[in-house]
Amino acid sequence: MKRIGLLSDTHGYLDERIFEYFAECDEVWHAGDWGSLELLNRLQAFKPTRGVWGNIDGYEIRQQLPQHNRFSIEGVKVWMTHIGGYPGKYDPLVRPHIFQQPPDLFICGHSHILKVKYDKTLKLLHINPGAAGKYGFHQVQTLVRFTVNHEKIEDLEVIELNPLNPR
């Protein structure tokens, strides 16, 4: 059993509460748009970290992380990428590959829109954790926690941090 803390689109800002919310996690996964190498280094010093680079990430991050990260954990096939779309509207660069070799769990970021959706056609769970940073059009920073346990994804939690522009 592995507890996972998932985030995306930090854009160089790492809210200190992330360390609190992910304290009990075994791994941290980041779906791109890190924004700085320092942020990557801080997460790697905190927990084992998996990730992909995003469209805003520069050379240093792209040298350390792949564009697409496919791996298995606890019997679950995972595909993480930054720009992937979602069920019914997969990105054109992803579409042929996801239909040929669908994962059990498809993770992407980019949109800043939190979305958890099951794709009945491909029999996969899609998660976009929204945006954990403070830059972008989103109003609330979001994180996701879940457990991967013997081929099952369980105990999925959405964590909303304070509104960015309280009214």
C-alpha atoms as a PDB file:
ATOM      1  CA  MET A   1       0.000   0.000   0.000  1.00  0.00           C
ATOM      2  CA  LYS A   2       1.280   3.451  -0.958  1.00  0.00           C
ATOM      3  CA  ARG A   3      -0.140   6.820   0.059  1.00  0.00           C
ATOM      4  CA  ILE A   4       0.277   9.410  -2.708  1.00  0.00           C
ATOM      5  CA  GLY A   5       0.224  13.196  -2.565  1.00  0.00           C
ATOM      6  CA  LEU A   6      -0.536  14.660  -5.991  1.00  0.00           C
ATOM      7  CA  LEU A   7      -0.167  18.243  -7.160  1.00  0.00           C
ATOM      8  CA  SER A   8       0.432  20.251 -10.294  1.00  0.00           C
ATOM      9  CA  ASP A   9       0.957  23.744 -11.626  1.00  0.00           C
ATOM     10  CA  THR A  10       2.912  25.212  -8.729  1.00  0.00           C
ATOM     11  CA  HIS A  11       4.532  27.777 -11.051  1.00  0.00           C
ATOM     12  CA  GLY A  12       7.423  28.321  -8.645  1.00  0.00           C
ATOM     13  CA  TYR A  13       5.267  28.681  -5.503  1.00  0.00           C
ATOM     14  CA  LEU A  14       5.235  25.910  -2.898  1.00  0.00           C
ATOM     15  CA  ASP A  15       2.683  26.512  -0.150  1.00  0.00           C
ATOM     16  CA  GLU A  16       4.174  25.349   3.162  1.00  0.00           C
ATOM     17  CA  ARG A  17       0.921  23.540   4.042  1.00  0.00           C
ATOM     18  CA  ILE A  18       1.730  20.984   1.354  1.00  0.00           C
ATOM     19  CA  PHE A  19       4.344  19.495   3.686  1.00  0.00           C
ATOM     20  CA  GLU A  20       1.700  19.137   6.383  1.00  0.00           C
ATOM     21  CA  TYR A  21      -0.948  17.618   4.102  1.00  0.00           C
ATOM     22  CA  PHE A  22       1.543  15.217   2.522  1.00  0.00           C
ATOM     23  CA  ALA A  23       3.353  14.277   5.761  1.00  0.00           C
ATOM     24  CA  GLU A  24       1.783  10.795   5.860  1.00  0.00           C
ATOM     25  CA  CYS A  25       2.294  10.163   2.130  1.00  0.00           C
ATOM     26  CA  ASP A  26       4.895   7.702   0.874  1.00  0.00           C
ATOM     27  CA  GLU A  27       5.456   9.573  -2.396  1.00  0.00           C
ATOM     28  CA  VAL A  28       4.715  12.963  -3.929  1.00  0.00           C
ATOM     29  CA  TRP A  29       3.734  13.191  -7.594  1.00  0.00           C
ATOM     30  CA  HIS A  30       3.814  16.449  -9.554  1.00  0.00           C
ATOM     31  CA  ALA A  31       2.099  16.728 -12.951  1.00  0.00           C
ATOM     32  CA  GLY A  32       4.225  19.555 -14.365  1.00  0.00           C
ATOM     33  CA  ASP A  33       4.668  23.308 -14.445  1.00  0.00           C
ATOM     34  CA  TRP A  34       6.996  23.229 -11.465  1.00  0.00           C
ATOM     35  CA  GLY A  35       8.318  26.686 -12.202  1.00  0.00           C
ATOM     36  CA  SER A  36      11.679  26.263 -10.496  1.00  0.00           C
ATOM     37  CA  LEU A  37      14.373  23.710  -9.870  1.00  0.00           C
ATOM     38  CA  GLU A  38      14.410  24.774  -6.207  1.00  0.00           C
ATOM     39  CA  LEU A  39      10.815  23.584  -5.838  1.00  0.00           C
ATOM     40  CA  LEU A  40      11.699  20.198  -7.336  1.00  0.00           C
ATOM     41  CA  ASN A  41      14.693  19.904  -4.987  1.00  0.00           C
ATOM     42  CA  ARG A  42      12.569  20.783  -1.933  1.00  0.00           C
ATOM     43  CA  LEU A  43       9.982  18.107  -2.741  1.00  0.00           C
ATOM     44  CA  GLN A  44      12.696  15.519  -3.445  1.00  0.00           C
ATOM     45  CA  ALA A  45      14.285  16.273  -0.059  1.00  0.00           C
ATOM     46  CA  PHE A  46      10.863  15.836   1.590  1.00  0.00           C
ATOM     47  CA  LYS A  47       9.625  12.564   0.013  1.00  0.00           C
ATOM     48  CA  PRO A  48      10.381  10.308  -2.945  1.00  0.00           C
ATOM     49  CA  THR A  49       9.067  12.360  -5.860  1.00  0.00           C
ATOM     50  CA  ARG A  50       7.843  11.440  -9.330  1.00  0.00           C
ATOM     51  CA  GLY A  51       6.945  13.983 -11.939  1.00  0.00           C
ATOM     52  CA  VAL A  52       6.932  15.315 -15.463  1.00  0.00           C
ATOM     53  CA  TRP A  53       7.919  18.642 -16.938  1.00  0.00           C
ATOM     54  CA  GLY A  54       5.301  21.132 -18.018  1.00  0.00           C
ATOM     55  CA  ASN A  55       5.108  23.720 -20.751  1.00  0.00           C
ATOM     56  CA  ILE A  56       6.539  26.520 -18.556  1.00  0.00           C
ATOM     57  CA  ASP A  57       9.459  24.445 -17.265  1.00  0.00           C
ATOM     58  CA  GLY A  58      12.906  25.255 -18.520  1.00  0.00           C
ATOM     59  CA  TYR A  59      15.957  23.264 -19.486  1.00  0.00           C
ATOM     60  CA  GLU A  60      17.072  22.358 -15.931  1.00  0.00           C
ATOM     61  CA  ILE A  61      13.784  20.666 -15.064  1.00  0.00           C
ATOM     62  CA  ARG A  62      13.455  19.043 -18.491  1.00  0.00           C
ATOM     63  CA  GLN A  63      16.912  17.513 -17.984  1.00  0.00           C
ATOM     64  CA  GLN A  64      15.736  15.830 -14.770  1.00  0.00           C
ATOM     65  CA  LEU A  65      12.166  14.817 -15.618  1.00  0.00           C
ATOM     66  CA  PRO A  66      10.447  13.214 -18.611  1.00  0.00           C
ATOM     67  CA  GLN A  67       7.550  14.655 -20.593  1.00  0.00           C
ATOM     68  CA  HIS A  68       5.633  11.399 -20.083  1.00  0.00           C
ATOM     69  CA  ASN A  69       6.145   9.191 -17.051  1.00  0.00           C
ATOM     70  CA  ARG A  70       4.745   5.669 -17.289  1.00  0.00           C
ATOM     71  CA  PHE A  71       5.258   3.362 -14.332  1.00  0.00           C
ATOM     72  CA  SER A  72       3.519   0.726 -12.205  1.00  0.00           C
ATOM     73  CA  ILE A  73       2.883   0.929  -8.500  1.00  0.00           C
ATOM     74  CA  GLU A  74       1.054  -1.694  -6.434  1.00  0.00           C
ATOM     75  CA  GLY A  75      -0.135  -3.320  -9.673  1.00  0.00           C
ATOM     76  CA  VAL A  76      -1.623  -0.073 -11.051  1.00  0.00           C
ATOM     77  CA  LYS A  77      -0.339   1.159 -14.420  1.00  0.00           C
ATOM     78  CA  VAL A  78       0.115   4.930 -14.264  1.00  0.00           C
ATOM     79  CA  TRP A  79       0.682   7.452 -17.015  1.00  0.00           C
ATOM     80  CA  MET A  80       1.513  10.997 -15.936  1.00  0.00           C
ATOM     81  CA  THR A  81       1.937  13.857 -18.388  1.00  0.00           C
ATOM     82  CA  HIS A  82       1.355  17.592 -18.177  1.00  0.00           C
ATOM     83  CA  ILE A  83      -0.905  18.219 -21.174  1.00  0.00           C
ATOM     84  CA  GLY A  84      -3.190  15.236 -21.594  1.00  0.00           C
ATOM     85  CA  GLY A  85      -6.780  16.376 -21.792  1.00  0.00           C
ATOM     86  CA  TYR A  86      -9.489  14.279 -20.181  1.00  0.00           C
ATOM     87  CA  PRO A  87     -11.978  11.513 -21.040  1.00  0.00           C
ATOM     88  CA  GLY A  88     -13.842  12.385 -24.211  1.00  0.00           C
ATOM     89  CA  LYS A  89     -11.339  15.132 -25.024  1.00  0.00           C
ATOM     90  CA  TYR A  90      -7.810  13.753 -24.846  1.00  0.00           C
ATOM     91  CA  ASP A  91      -5.023  15.915 -26.253  1.00  0.00           C
ATOM     92  CA  PRO A  92      -4.268  15.021 -29.907  1.00  0.00           C
ATOM     93  CA  LEU A  93      -0.678  14.046 -29.008  1.00  0.00           C
ATOM     94  CA  VAL A  94      -1.924  11.661 -26.299  1.00  0.00           C
ATOM     95  CA  ARG A  95      -5.007  10.239 -28.012  1.00  0.00           C
ATOM     96  CA  PRO A  96      -3.451   7.526 -30.225  1.00  0.00           C
ATOM     97  CA  HIS A  97      -1.213   6.244 -27.417  1.00  0.00           C
ATOM     98  CA  ILE A  98      -3.863   6.187 -24.722  1.00  0.00           C
ATOM     99  CA  PHE A  99      -6.177   4.115 -26.912  1.00  0.00           C
ATOM    100  CA  GLN A 100      -3.366   1.698 -27.874  1.00  0.00           C
ATOM    101  CA  GLN A 101      -1.994   1.284 -24.366  1.00  0.00           C
ATOM    102  CA  PRO A 102      -4.404   2.652 -21.768  1.00  0.00           C
ATOM    103  CA  PRO A 103      -3.130   2.953 -18.200  1.00  0.00           C
ATOM    104  CA  ASP A 104      -5.264   2.280 -15.127  1.00  0.00           C
ATOM    105  CA  LEU A 105      -4.601   5.813 -13.867  1.00  0.00           C
ATOM    106  CA  PHE A 106      -4.063   8.803 -16.166  1.00  0.00           C
ATOM    107  CA  ILE A 107      -2.757  11.970 -14.496  1.00  0.00           C
ATOM    108  CA  CYS A 108      -2.256  15.358 -16.059  1.00  0.00           C
ATOM    109  CA  GLY A 109      -2.190  19.016 -15.099  1.00  0.00           C
ATOM    110  CA  HIS A 110      -2.067  22.167 -17.244  1.00  0.00           C
ATOM    111  CA  SER A 111      -5.720  23.266 -17.121  1.00  0.00           C
ATOM    112  CA  HIS A 112      -5.669  24.444 -13.471  1.00  0.00           C
ATOM    113  CA  ILE A 113      -9.081  22.712 -13.254  1.00  0.00           C
ATOM    114  CA  LEU A 114      -9.480  20.002 -10.636  1.00  0.00           C
ATOM    115  CA  LYS A 115     -11.062  16.986 -12.283  1.00  0.00           C
ATOM    116  CA  VAL A 116     -11.507  13.362 -11.240  1.00  0.00           C
ATOM    117  CA  LYS A 117     -13.340  11.359 -13.853  1.00  0.00           C
ATOM    118  CA  TYR A 118     -13.684   7.694 -14.782  1.00  0.00           C
ATOM    119  CA  ASP A 119     -13.319   6.840 -18.468  1.00  0.00           C
ATOM    120  CA  LYS A 120     -15.727   3.945 -19.073  1.00  0.00           C
ATOM    121  CA  THR A 121     -14.432   3.393 -22.606  1.00  0.00           C
ATOM    122  CA  LEU A 122     -10.792   2.901 -21.591  1.00  0.00           C
ATOM    123  CA  LYS A 123     -11.554   1.697 -18.052  1.00  0.00           C
ATOM    124  CA  LEU A 124      -9.184   4.196 -16.471  1.00  0.00           C
ATOM    125  CA  LEU A 125      -9.347   6.826 -13.769  1.00  0.00           C
ATOM    126  CA  HIS A 126      -8.345  10.329 -14.846  1.00  0.00           C
ATOM    127  CA  ILE A 127      -7.086  12.806 -12.245  1.00  0.00           C
ATOM    128  CA  ASN A 128      -6.110  16.419 -12.746  1.00  0.00           C
ATOM    129  CA  PRO A 129      -5.248  17.827  -9.306  1.00  0.00           C
ATOM    130  CA  GLY A 130      -5.894  21.420 -10.383  1.00  0.00           C
ATOM    131  CA  ALA A 131      -3.310  24.023  -9.435  1.00  0.00           C
ATOM    132  CA  ALA A 132      -1.334  24.149  -6.184  1.00  0.00           C
ATOM    133  CA  GLY A 133       0.388  27.423  -7.035  1.00  0.00           C
ATOM    134  CA  LYS A 134      -0.927  30.946  -6.769  1.00  0.00           C
ATOM    135  CA  TYR A 135      -0.528  32.022 -10.409  1.00  0.00           C
ATOM    136  CA  GLY A 136      -3.308  31.462 -12.935  1.00  0.00           C
ATOM    137  CA  PHE A 137      -7.042  31.951 -13.206  1.00  0.00           C
ATOM    138  CA  HIS A 138      -7.979  29.413 -10.510  1.00  0.00           C
ATOM    139  CA  GLN A 139      -9.463  30.757  -7.282  1.00  0.00           C
ATOM    140  CA  VAL A 140      -8.519  27.923  -4.923  1.00  0.00           C
ATOM    141  CA  GLN A 141      -5.256  26.009  -4.666  1.00  0.00           C
ATOM    142  CA  THR A 142      -5.955  22.275  -4.768  1.00  0.00           C
ATOM    143  CA  LEU A 143      -4.132  19.044  -3.935  1.00  0.00           C
ATOM    144  CA  VAL A 144      -5.176  15.395  -4.097  1.00  0.00           C
ATOM    145  CA  ARG A 145      -4.293  12.502  -1.807  1.00  0.00           C
ATOM    146  CA  PHE A 146      -5.079   8.857  -2.424  1.00  0.00           C
ATOM    147  CA  THR A 147      -3.938   5.340  -1.666  1.00  0.00           C
ATOM    148  CA  VAL A 148      -2.814   2.752  -4.205  1.00  0.00           C
ATOM    149  CA  ASN A 149      -3.490  -0.640  -2.675  1.00  0.00           C
ATOM    150  CA  HIS A 150      -3.162  -3.956  -4.534  1.00  0.00           C
ATOM    151  CA  GLU A 151      -4.432  -2.758  -7.940  1.00  0.00           C
ATOM    152  CA  LYS A 152      -6.992  -0.379  -6.404  1.00  0.00           C
ATOM    153  CA  ILE A 153      -7.093   3.364  -5.983  1.00  0.00           C
ATOM    154  CA  GLU A 154      -8.740   4.132  -2.653  1.00  0.00           C
ATOM    155  CA  ASP A 155      -9.393   6.904  -0.133  1.00  0.00           C
ATOM    156  CA  LEU A 156      -9.179   9.706  -2.689  1.00  0.00           C
ATOM    157  CA  GLU A 157      -9.321  13.117  -1.025  1.00  0.00           C
ATOM    158  CA  VAL A 158      -9.443  16.583  -2.542  1.00  0.00           C
ATOM    159  CA  ILE A 159      -7.733  19.234  -0.446  1.00  0.00           C
ATOM    160  CA  GLU A 160      -8.670  22.859  -1.006  1.00  0.00           C
ATOM    161  CA  LEU A 161      -6.340  25.473   0.367  1.00  0.00           C
ATOM    162  CA  ASN A 162      -7.624  28.961   1.140  1.00  0.00           C
ATOM    163  CA  PRO A 163      -9.151  31.004  -1.664  1.00  0.00           C
ATOM    164  CA  LEU A 164      -6.493  33.026  -3.473  1.00  0.00           C
ATOM    165  CA  ASN A 165      -8.640  36.148  -3.748  1.00  0.00           C
ATOM    166  CA  PRO A 166     -11.005  36.131  -0.779  1.00  0.00           C
ATOM    167  CA  ARG A 167     -13.996  38.372  -1.258  1.00  0.00           C
END
